[in-house]
Amino acid sequence: MLKTANMGCGKVGHFHAKAYQKLDNALFCAVSDRNLSPAQEFAKQYGVKAYDNISEIIKNEGINVAGFVPLTLYMKKSPLKPPTQVATFWTGNLSQAR
């Protein structure tokens, strides 16, 4: 079972969360945002834990897959520092992603 999380609670984050919940071999378990309040609201909708620190999610939740979905204006400022490994895959639809 893959443990998944979202890094960002905007509109695109909801698409990621719903996709994670539909996967048979994945468990959506946490969300992080720069501000804890939006993360808590988002987490409540999906029954997951809320964080305002990505490092804490990685440490506490044992995440295998994370969706990095910040607001567009933050896209160039990655909160992840080496040696964190990030793989990005773009697909046209959910069946291609599987």
PDB file of N, CA and C in Angstrom:
ATOM      1  N   MET A   1       0.846  -1.186   0.000  1.00  0.00           N
ATOM      2  CA  MET A   1       0.000   0.000   0.000  1.00  0.00           C
ATOM      3  C   MET A   1       0.887   1.243   0.000  1.00  0.00           C
ATOM      4  N   LEU A   2       0.671   2.114  -0.972  1.00  0.00           N
ATOM      5  CA  LEU A   2       1.408   3.378  -1.049  1.00  0.00           C
ATOM      6  C   LEU A   2       0.727   4.436  -0.194  1.00  0.00           C
ATOM      7  N   LYS A   3       1.494   5.114   0.628  1.00  0.00           N
ATOM      8  CA  LYS A   3       0.960   6.209   1.436  1.00  0.00           C
ATOM      9  C   LYS A   3       1.211   7.509   0.686  1.00  0.00           C
ATOM     10  N   THR A   4       0.140   8.283   0.480  1.00  0.00           N
ATOM     11  CA  THR A   4       0.232   9.499  -0.325  1.00  0.00           C
ATOM     12  C   THR A   4      -0.092  10.742   0.494  1.00  0.00           C
ATOM     13  N   ALA A   5       0.381  11.879  -0.007  1.00  0.00           N
ATOM     14  CA  ALA A   5       0.109  13.166   0.638  1.00  0.00           C
ATOM     15  C   ALA A   5       0.117  14.261  -0.415  1.00  0.00           C
ATOM     16  N   ASN A   6      -0.509  15.363  -0.090  1.00  0.00           N
ATOM     17  CA  ASN A   6      -0.497  16.559  -0.933  1.00  0.00           C
ATOM     18  C   ASN A   6       0.316  17.636  -0.254  1.00  0.00           C
ATOM     19  N   MET A   7       1.115  18.328  -1.027  1.00  0.00           N
ATOM     20  CA  MET A   7       1.831  19.505  -0.563  1.00  0.00           C
ATOM     21  C   MET A   7       1.173  20.692  -1.253  1.00  0.00           C
ATOM     22  N   GLY A   8       0.134  21.216  -0.647  1.00  0.00           N
ATOM     23  CA  GLY A   8      -0.650  22.306  -1.220  1.00  0.00           C
ATOM     24  C   GLY A   8      -2.129  21.972  -1.157  1.00  0.00           C
ATOM     25  N   CYS A   9      -2.937  22.965  -0.844  1.00  0.00           N
ATOM     26  CA  CYS A   9      -4.369  22.742  -0.612  1.00  0.00           C
ATOM     27  C   CYS A   9      -5.266  23.543  -1.542  1.00  0.00           C
ATOM     28  N   GLY A  10      -4.765  23.936  -2.674  1.00  0.00           N
ATOM     29  CA  GLY A  10      -5.573  24.712  -3.614  1.00  0.00           C
ATOM     30  C   GLY A  10      -6.469  23.833  -4.465  1.00  0.00           C
ATOM     31  N   LYS A  11      -6.986  24.421  -5.513  1.00  0.00           N
ATOM     32  CA  LYS A  11      -7.921  23.747  -6.413  1.00  0.00           C
ATOM     33  C   LYS A  11      -7.332  22.452  -6.990  1.00  0.00           C
ATOM     34  N   VAL A  12      -6.097  22.511  -7.458  1.00  0.00           N
ATOM     35  CA  VAL A  12      -5.464  21.328  -8.040  1.00  0.00           C
ATOM     36  C   VAL A  12      -5.245  20.247  -6.980  1.00  0.00           C
ATOM     37  N   GLY A  13      -5.009  20.657  -5.746  1.00  0.00           N
ATOM     38  CA  GLY A  13      -4.847  19.703  -4.656  1.00  0.00           C
ATOM     39  C   GLY A  13      -6.055  18.803  -4.480  1.00  0.00           C
ATOM     40  N   HIS A  14      -7.246  19.334  -4.720  1.00  0.00           N
ATOM     41  CA  HIS A  14      -8.464  18.523  -4.619  1.00  0.00           C
ATOM     42  C   HIS A  14      -8.494  17.446  -5.701  1.00  0.00           C
ATOM     43  N   PHE A  15      -8.031  17.778  -6.900  1.00  0.00           N
ATOM     44  CA  PHE A  15      -7.967  16.768  -7.967  1.00  0.00           C
ATOM     45  C   PHE A  15      -7.025  15.632  -7.569  1.00  0.00           C
ATOM     46  N   HIS A  16      -5.875  15.984  -7.000  1.00  0.00           N
ATOM     47  CA  HIS A  16      -4.916  14.972  -6.554  1.00  0.00           C
ATOM     48  C   HIS A  16      -5.519  14.113  -5.446  1.00  0.00           C
ATOM     49  N   ALA A  17      -6.134  14.750  -4.464  1.00  0.00           N
ATOM     50  CA  ALA A  17      -6.715  14.018  -3.335  1.00  0.00           C
ATOM     51  C   ALA A  17      -7.766  13.017  -3.813  1.00  0.00           C
ATOM     52  N   LYS A  18      -8.640  13.447  -4.692  1.00  0.00           N
ATOM     53  CA  LYS A  18      -9.688  12.552  -5.210  1.00  0.00           C
ATOM     54  C   LYS A  18      -9.086  11.398  -6.008  1.00  0.00           C
ATOM     55  N   ALA A  19      -8.040  11.681  -6.770  1.00  0.00           N
ATOM     56  CA  ALA A  19      -7.376  10.618  -7.536  1.00  0.00           C
ATOM     57  C   ALA A  19      -6.720   9.609  -6.595  1.00  0.00           C
ATOM     58  N   TYR A  20      -6.037  10.089  -5.554  1.00  0.00           N
ATOM     59  CA  TYR A  20      -5.412   9.182  -4.587  1.00  0.00           C
ATOM     60  C   TYR A  20      -6.456   8.282  -3.933  1.00  0.00           C
ATOM     61  N   GLN A  21      -7.602   8.838  -3.592  1.00  0.00           N
ATOM     62  CA  GLN A  21      -8.639   8.062  -2.917  1.00  0.00           C
ATOM     63  C   GLN A  21      -9.245   6.991  -3.820  1.00  0.00           C
ATOM     64  N   LYS A  22      -9.164   7.164  -5.122  1.00  0.00           N
ATOM     65  CA  LYS A  22      -9.720   6.180  -6.057  1.00  0.00           C
ATOM     66  C   LYS A  22      -8.770   5.019  -6.340  1.00  0.00           C
ATOM     67  N   LEU A  23      -7.505   5.173  -6.004  1.00  0.00           N
ATOM     68  CA  LEU A  23      -6.528   4.126  -6.286  1.00  0.00           C
ATOM     69  C   LEU A  23      -6.645   2.987  -5.282  1.00  0.00           C
ATOM     70  N   ASP A  24      -6.666   1.757  -5.788  1.00  0.00           N
ATOM     71  CA  ASP A  24      -6.805   0.583  -4.926  1.00  0.00           C
ATOM     72  C   ASP A  24      -5.586   0.349  -4.041  1.00  0.00           C
ATOM     73  N   ASN A  25      -4.417   0.702  -4.533  1.00  0.00           N
ATOM     74  CA  ASN A  25      -3.193   0.403  -3.791  1.00  0.00           C
ATOM     75  C   ASN A  25      -2.588   1.628  -3.110  1.00  0.00           C
ATOM     76  N   ALA A  26      -3.429   2.645  -2.830  1.00  0.00           N
ATOM     77  CA  ALA A  26      -2.918   3.870  -2.210  1.00  0.00           C
ATOM     78  C   ALA A  26      -3.806   4.317  -1.054  1.00  0.00           C
ATOM     79  N   LEU A  27      -3.183   4.957  -0.093  1.00  0.00           N
ATOM     80  CA  LEU A  27      -3.894   5.523   1.050  1.00  0.00           C
ATOM     81  C   LEU A  27      -3.517   6.996   1.150  1.00  0.00           C
ATOM     82  N   PHE A  28      -4.489   7.873   0.933  1.00  0.00           N
ATOM     83  CA  PHE A  28      -4.255   9.309   1.082  1.00  0.00           C
ATOM     84  C   PHE A  28      -4.294   9.603   2.571  1.00  0.00           C
ATOM     85  N   CYS A  29      -3.167  10.082   3.147  1.00  0.00           N
ATOM     86  CA  CYS A  29      -3.120  10.192   4.604  1.00  0.00           C
ATOM     87  C   CYS A  29      -2.728  11.550   5.163  1.00  0.00           C
ATOM     88  N   ALA A  30      -2.277  12.505   4.342  1.00  0.00           N
ATOM     89  CA  ALA A  30      -1.862  13.788   4.917  1.00  0.00           C
ATOM     90  C   ALA A  30      -1.823  14.888   3.865  1.00  0.00           C
ATOM     91  N   VAL A  31      -1.889  16.125   4.369  1.00  0.00           N
ATOM     92  CA  VAL A  31      -1.802  17.303   3.513  1.00  0.00           C
ATOM     93  C   VAL A  31      -0.998  18.376   4.240  1.00  0.00           C
ATOM     94  N   SER A  32      -0.264  19.159   3.461  1.00  0.00           N
ATOM     95  CA  SER A  32       0.533  20.240   4.030  1.00  0.00           C
ATOM     96  C   SER A  32       0.269  21.520   3.255  1.00  0.00           C
ATOM     97  N   ASP A  33       0.295  22.638   3.972  1.00  0.00           N
ATOM     98  CA  ASP A  33       0.177  23.941   3.333  1.00  0.00           C
ATOM     99  C   ASP A  33       1.051  24.914   4.110  1.00  0.00           C
ATOM    100  N   ARG A  34       1.420  26.024   3.467  1.00  0.00           N
ATOM    101  CA  ARG A  34       2.236  27.041   4.145  1.00  0.00           C
ATOM    102  C   ARG A  34       1.563  27.533   5.422  1.00  0.00           C
ATOM    103  N   ASN A  35       0.249  27.579   5.403  1.00  0.00           N
ATOM    104  CA  ASN A  35      -0.537  27.998   6.564  1.00  0.00           C
ATOM    105  C   ASN A  35      -1.364  26.812   7.036  1.00  0.00           C
ATOM    106  N   LEU A  36      -1.358  26.567   8.326  1.00  0.00           N
ATOM    107  CA  LEU A  36      -2.032  25.390   8.870  1.00  0.00           C
ATOM    108  C   LEU A  36      -3.543  25.444   8.695  1.00  0.00           C
ATOM    109  N   SER A  37      -4.142  26.613   8.787  1.00  0.00           N
ATOM    110  CA  SER A  37      -5.601  26.725   8.710  1.00  0.00           C
ATOM    111  C   SER A  37      -6.186  26.132   7.422  1.00  0.00           C
ATOM    112  N   PRO A  38      -5.687  26.485   6.227  1.00  0.00           N
ATOM    113  CA  PRO A  38      -6.220  25.857   5.017  1.00  0.00           C
ATOM    114  C   PRO A  38      -5.950  24.353   4.976  1.00  0.00           C
ATOM    115  N   ALA A  39      -4.814  23.941   5.519  1.00  0.00           N
ATOM    116  CA  ALA A  39      -4.498  22.514   5.557  1.00  0.00           C
ATOM    117  C   ALA A  39      -5.499  21.767   6.431  1.00  0.00           C
ATOM    118  N   GLN A  40      -5.874  22.366   7.560  1.00  0.00           N
ATOM    119  CA  GLN A  40      -6.844  21.728   8.452  1.00  0.00           C
ATOM    120  C   GLN A  40      -8.215  21.611   7.792  1.00  0.00           C
ATOM    121  N   GLU A  41      -8.623  22.650   7.086  1.00  0.00           N
ATOM    122  CA  GLU A  41      -9.910  22.630   6.387  1.00  0.00           C
ATOM    123  C   GLU A  41      -9.907  21.558   5.289  1.00  0.00           C
ATOM    124  N   PHE A  42      -8.840  21.513   4.526  1.00  0.00           N
ATOM    125  CA  PHE A  42      -8.684  20.525   3.461  1.00  0.00           C
ATOM    126  C   PHE A  42      -8.681  19.116   4.057  1.00  0.00           C
ATOM    127  N   ALA A  43      -7.899  18.920   5.112  1.00  0.00           N
ATOM    128  CA  ALA A  43      -7.771  17.614   5.758  1.00  0.00           C
ATOM    129  C   ALA A  43      -9.112  17.112   6.278  1.00  0.00           C
ATOM    130  N   LYS A  44      -9.910  18.008   6.811  1.00  0.00           N
ATOM    131  CA  LYS A  44     -11.227  17.643   7.337  1.00  0.00           C
ATOM    132  C   LYS A  44     -12.120  17.066   6.233  1.00  0.00           C
ATOM    133  N   GLN A  45     -12.030  17.644   5.033  1.00  0.00           N
ATOM    134  CA  GLN A  45     -12.847  17.179   3.910  1.00  0.00           C
ATOM    135  C   GLN A  45     -12.493  15.755   3.483  1.00  0.00           C
ATOM    136  N   TYR A  46     -11.233  15.376   3.664  1.00  0.00           N
ATOM    137  CA  TYR A  46     -10.759  14.078   3.174  1.00  0.00           C
ATOM    138  C   TYR A  46     -10.417  13.087   4.290  1.00  0.00           C
ATOM    139  N   GLY A  47     -10.577  13.489   5.534  1.00  0.00           N
ATOM    140  CA  GLY A  47     -10.297  12.589   6.653  1.00  0.00           C
ATOM    141  C   GLY A  47      -8.820  12.236   6.788  1.00  0.00           C
ATOM    142  N   VAL A  48      -7.950  13.235   6.566  1.00  0.00           N
ATOM    143  CA  VAL A  48      -6.506  13.015   6.665  1.00  0.00           C
ATOM    144  C   VAL A  48      -5.908  13.985   7.687  1.00  0.00           C
ATOM    145  N   LYS A  49      -4.626  13.839   7.965  1.00  0.00           N
ATOM    146  CA  LYS A  49      -3.941  14.725   8.909  1.00  0.00           C
ATOM    147  C   LYS A  49      -3.438  15.980   8.204  1.00  0.00           C
ATOM    148  N   ALA A  50      -3.406  17.090   8.937  1.00  0.00           N
ATOM    149  CA  ALA A  50      -2.955  18.379   8.396  1.00  0.00           C
ATOM    150  C   ALA A  50      -1.608  18.768   8.995  1.00  0.00           C
ATOM    151  N   TYR A  51      -0.761  19.333   8.157  1.00  0.00           N
ATOM    152  CA  TYR A  51       0.554  19.811   8.577  1.00  0.00           C
ATOM    153  C   TYR A  51       0.835  21.155   7.919  1.00  0.00           C
ATOM    154  N   ASP A  52       1.763  21.908   8.513  1.00  0.00           N
ATOM    155  CA  ASP A  52       2.263  23.117   7.855  1.00  0.00           C
ATOM    156  C   ASP A  52       3.759  22.976   7.575  1.00  0.00           C
ATOM    157  N   ASN A  53       4.233  21.730   7.625  1.00  0.00           N
ATOM    158  CA  ASN A  53       5.651  21.458   7.452  1.00  0.00           C
ATOM    159  C   ASN A  53       5.823  20.136   6.704  1.00  0.00           C
ATOM    160  N   ILE A  54       6.370  20.189   5.518  1.00  0.00           N
ATOM    161  CA  ILE A  54       6.543  18.993   4.696  1.00  0.00           C
ATOM    162  C   ILE A  54       7.460  17.978   5.367  1.00  0.00           C
ATOM    163  N   SER A  55       8.494  18.445   6.017  1.00  0.00           N
ATOM    164  CA  SER A  55       9.428  17.536   6.690  1.00  0.00           C
ATOM    165  C   SER A  55       8.724  16.697   7.744  1.00  0.00           C
ATOM    166  N   GLU A  56       7.762  17.286   8.441  1.00  0.00           N
ATOM    167  CA  GLU A  56       7.013  16.551   9.466  1.00  0.00           C
ATOM    168  C   GLU A  56       6.148  15.454   8.842  1.00  0.00           C
ATOM    169  N   ILE A  57       5.557  15.726   7.687  1.00  0.00           N
ATOM    170  CA  ILE A  57       4.778  14.685   6.999  1.00  0.00           C
ATOM    171  C   ILE A  57       5.692  13.510   6.661  1.00  0.00           C
ATOM    172  N   ILE A  58       6.834  13.811   6.083  1.00  0.00           N
ATOM    173  CA  ILE A  58       7.757  12.751   5.682  1.00  0.00           C
ATOM    174  C   ILE A  58       8.211  11.951   6.900  1.00  0.00           C
ATOM    175  N   LYS A  59       8.525  12.640   7.988  1.00  0.00           N
ATOM    176  CA  LYS A  59       8.993  11.987   9.212  1.00  0.00           C
ATOM    177  C   LYS A  59       7.892  11.166   9.888  1.00  0.00           C
ATOM    178  N   ASN A  60       6.690  11.729   9.994  1.00  0.00           N
ATOM    179  CA  ASN A  60       5.620  11.095  10.770  1.00  0.00           C
ATOM    180  C   ASN A  60       4.737  10.126   9.998  1.00  0.00           C
ATOM    181  N   GLU A  61       4.594  10.324   8.701  1.00  0.00           N
ATOM    182  CA  GLU A  61       3.615   9.544   7.947  1.00  0.00           C
ATOM    183  C   GLU A  61       4.218   8.461   7.054  1.00  0.00           C
ATOM    184  N   GLY A  62       5.508   8.474   6.839  1.00  0.00           N
ATOM    185  CA  GLY A  62       6.125   7.464   5.978  1.00  0.00           C
ATOM    186  C   GLY A  62       5.589   7.496   4.553  1.00  0.00           C
ATOM    187  N   ILE A  63       5.489   8.688   4.004  1.00  0.00           N
ATOM    188  CA  ILE A  63       4.908   8.901   2.680  1.00  0.00           C
ATOM    189  C   ILE A  63       5.763   8.261   1.587  1.00  0.00           C
ATOM    190  N   ASN A  64       5.096   7.583   0.650  1.00  0.00           N
ATOM    191  CA  ASN A  64       5.761   7.031  -0.532  1.00  0.00           C
ATOM    192  C   ASN A  64       5.621   7.943  -1.746  1.00  0.00           C
ATOM    193  N   VAL A  65       4.468   8.620  -1.836  1.00  0.00           N
ATOM    194  CA  VAL A  65       4.161   9.468  -2.989  1.00  0.00           C
ATOM    195  C   VAL A  65       3.576  10.779  -2.483  1.00  0.00           C
ATOM    196  N   ALA A  66       4.066  11.894  -3.022  1.00  0.00           N
ATOM    197  CA  ALA A  66       3.527  13.199  -2.635  1.00  0.00           C
ATOM    198  C   ALA A  66       3.251  14.027  -3.875  1.00  0.00           C
ATOM    199  N   GLY A  67       2.087  14.644  -3.889  1.00  0.00           N
ATOM    200  CA  GLY A  67       1.750  15.574  -4.955  1.00  0.00           C
ATOM    201  C   GLY A  67       2.156  16.970  -4.528  1.00  0.00           C
ATOM    202  N   PHE A  68       3.000  17.610  -5.308  1.00  0.00           N
ATOM    203  CA  PHE A  68       3.462  18.970  -5.016  1.00  0.00           C
ATOM    204  C   PHE A  68       2.591  19.911  -5.824  1.00  0.00           C
ATOM    205  N   VAL A  69       1.580  20.492  -5.180  1.00  0.00           N
ATOM    206  CA  VAL A  69       0.566  21.289  -5.880  1.00  0.00           C
ATOM    207  C   VAL A  69       0.375  22.664  -5.233  1.00  0.00           C
ATOM    208  N   PRO A  70       1.427  23.481  -5.215  1.00  0.00           N
ATOM    209  CA  PRO A  70       1.302  24.816  -4.617  1.00  0.00           C
ATOM    210  C   PRO A  70       0.571  25.771  -5.547  1.00  0.00           C
ATOM    211  N   LEU A  71       0.223  26.924  -5.023  1.00  0.00           N
ATOM    212  CA  LEU A  71      -0.324  27.976  -5.875  1.00  0.00           C
ATOM    213  C   LEU A  71       0.706  28.293  -6.953  1.00  0.00           C
ATOM    214  N   THR A  72       0.243  28.662  -8.112  1.00  0.00           N
ATOM    215  CA  THR A  72       1.127  28.895  -9.250  1.00  0.00           C
ATOM    216  C   THR A  72       2.274  29.853  -8.924  1.00  0.00           C
ATOM    217  N   LEU A  73       2.017  30.897  -8.152  1.00  0.00           N
ATOM    218  CA  LEU A  73       3.076  31.865  -7.857  1.00  0.00           C
ATOM    219  C   LEU A  73       4.191  31.285  -7.011  1.00  0.00           C
ATOM    220  N   TYR A  74       3.964  30.128  -6.367  1.00  0.00           N
ATOM    221  CA  TYR A  74       5.005  29.493  -5.564  1.00  0.00           C
ATOM    222  C   TYR A  74       5.703  28.348  -6.292  1.00  0.00           C
ATOM    223  N   MET A  75       5.317  28.049  -7.507  1.00  0.00           N
ATOM    224  CA  MET A  75       5.839  26.884  -8.222  1.00  0.00           C
ATOM    225  C   MET A  75       7.361  26.855  -8.331  1.00  0.00           C
ATOM    226  N   LYS A  76       8.023  27.992  -8.445  1.00  0.00           N
ATOM    227  CA  LYS A  76       9.476  28.006  -8.616  1.00  0.00           C
ATOM    228  C   LYS A  76      10.227  27.887  -7.300  1.00  0.00           C
ATOM    229  N   LYS A  77       9.534  27.970  -6.174  1.00  0.00           N
ATOM    230  CA  LYS A  77      10.182  27.915  -4.868  1.00  0.00           C
ATOM    231  C   LYS A  77       9.894  26.563  -4.224  1.00  0.00           C
ATOM    232  N   SER A  78      10.692  25.571  -4.494  1.00  0.00           N
ATOM    233  CA  SER A  78      10.482  24.250  -3.922  1.00  0.00           C
ATOM    234  C   SER A  78      10.900  24.240  -2.456  1.00  0.00           C
ATOM    235  N   PRO A  79      10.039  23.703  -1.565  1.00  0.00           N
ATOM    236  CA  PRO A  79      10.386  23.615  -0.148  1.00  0.00           C
ATOM    237  C   PRO A  79      11.280  22.416   0.146  1.00  0.00           C
ATOM    238  N   LEU A  80      11.511  21.570  -0.834  1.00  0.00           N
ATOM    239  CA  LEU A  80      12.296  20.361  -0.621  1.00  0.00           C
ATOM    240  C   LEU A  80      13.771  20.638  -0.869  1.00  0.00           C
ATOM    241  N   LYS A  81      14.597  20.119   0.008  1.00  0.00           N
ATOM    242  CA  LYS A  81      16.039  20.294  -0.122  1.00  0.00           C
ATOM    243  C   LYS A  81      16.682  18.915  -0.261  1.00  0.00           C
ATOM    244  N   PRO A  82      17.804  18.811  -0.975  1.00  0.00           N
ATOM    245  CA  PRO A  82      18.500  17.529  -1.087  1.00  0.00           C
ATOM    246  C   PRO A  82      18.793  16.994   0.307  1.00  0.00           C
ATOM    247  N   PRO A  83      18.754  15.683   0.541  1.00  0.00           N
ATOM    248  CA  PRO A  83      18.728  14.616  -0.441  1.00  0.00           C
ATOM    249  C   PRO A  83      17.329  14.112  -0.807  1.00  0.00           C
ATOM    250  N   THR A  84      16.302  14.892  -0.596  1.00  0.00           N
ATOM    251  CA  THR A  84      14.953  14.474  -0.960  1.00  0.00           C
ATOM    252  C   THR A  84      14.893  14.178  -2.453  1.00  0.00           C
ATOM    253  N   GLN A  85      14.325  13.043  -2.801  1.00  0.00           N
ATOM    254  CA  GLN A  85      14.196  12.672  -4.205  1.00  0.00           C
ATOM    255  C   GLN A  85      12.765  12.902  -4.650  1.00  0.00           C
ATOM    256  N   VAL A  86      12.605  13.563  -5.768  1.00  0.00           N
ATOM    257  CA  VAL A  86      11.279  13.868  -6.286  1.00  0.00           C
ATOM    258  C   VAL A  86      11.196  13.379  -7.721  1.00  0.00           C
ATOM    259  N   ALA A  87      10.171  12.601  -8.010  1.00  0.00           N
ATOM    260  CA  ALA A  87       9.926  12.154  -9.381  1.00  0.00           C
ATOM    261  C   ALA A  87       8.630  12.790  -9.844  1.00  0.00           C
ATOM    262  N   THR A  88       8.639  13.358 -11.014  1.00  0.00           N
ATOM    263  CA  THR A  88       7.444  13.991 -11.556  1.00  0.00           C
ATOM    264  C   THR A  88       7.049  13.274 -12.831  1.00  0.00           C
ATOM    265  N   PHE A  89       5.803  12.844 -12.881  1.00  0.00           N
ATOM    266  CA  PHE A  89       5.285  12.156 -14.052  1.00  0.00           C
ATOM    267  C   PHE A  89       4.030  12.871 -14.509  1.00  0.00           C
ATOM    268  N   TRP A  90       3.942  13.178 -15.781  1.00  0.00           N
ATOM    269  CA  TRP A  90       2.758  13.824 -16.343  1.00  0.00           C
ATOM    270  C   TRP A  90       2.053  12.817 -17.241  1.00  0.00           C
ATOM    271  N   THR A  91       0.761  12.684 -17.055  1.00  0.00           N
ATOM    272  CA  THR A  91      -0.028  11.793 -17.900  1.00  0.00           C
ATOM    273  C   THR A  91      -1.252  12.536 -18.386  1.00  0.00           C
ATOM    274  N   GLY A  92      -1.864  11.995 -19.405  1.00  0.00           N
ATOM    275  CA  GLY A  92      -3.057  12.622 -19.961  1.00  0.00           C
ATOM    276  C   GLY A  92      -4.320  12.284 -19.207  1.00  0.00           C
ATOM    277  N   ASN A  93      -4.309  11.152 -18.483  1.00  0.00           N
ATOM    278  CA  ASN A  93      -5.503  10.740 -17.749  1.00  0.00           C
ATOM    279  C   ASN A  93      -5.129   9.728 -16.670  1.00  0.00           C
ATOM    280  N   LEU A  94      -6.099   9.343 -15.855  1.00  0.00           N
ATOM    281  CA  LEU A  94      -5.852   8.453 -14.722  1.00  0.00           C
ATOM    282  C   LEU A  94      -5.413   7.064 -15.169  1.00  0.00           C
ATOM    283  N   SER A  95      -5.978   6.539 -16.260  1.00  0.00           N
ATOM    284  CA  SER A  95      -5.590   5.196 -16.702  1.00  0.00           C
ATOM    285  C   SER A  95      -4.126   5.159 -17.137  1.00  0.00           C
ATOM    286  N   GLN A  96      -3.618   6.232 -17.727  1.00  0.00           N
ATOM    287  CA  GLN A  96      -2.198   6.290 -18.076  1.00  0.00           C
ATOM    288  C   GLN A  96      -1.335   6.342 -16.816  1.00  0.00           C
ATOM    289  N   ALA A  97      -1.803   7.017 -15.797  1.00  0.00           N
ATOM    290  CA  ALA A  97      -1.052   7.122 -14.546  1.00  0.00           C
ATOM    291  C   ALA A  97      -0.941   5.773 -13.850  1.00  0.00           C
ATOM    292  N   ARG A  98      -1.967   4.943 -13.988  1.00  0.00           N
ATOM    293  CA  ARG A  98      -1.933   3.622 -13.353  1.00  0.00           C
ATOM    294  C   ARG A  98      -0.905   2.760 -14.030  1.00  0.00           C
TER     295      ARG A  98
END
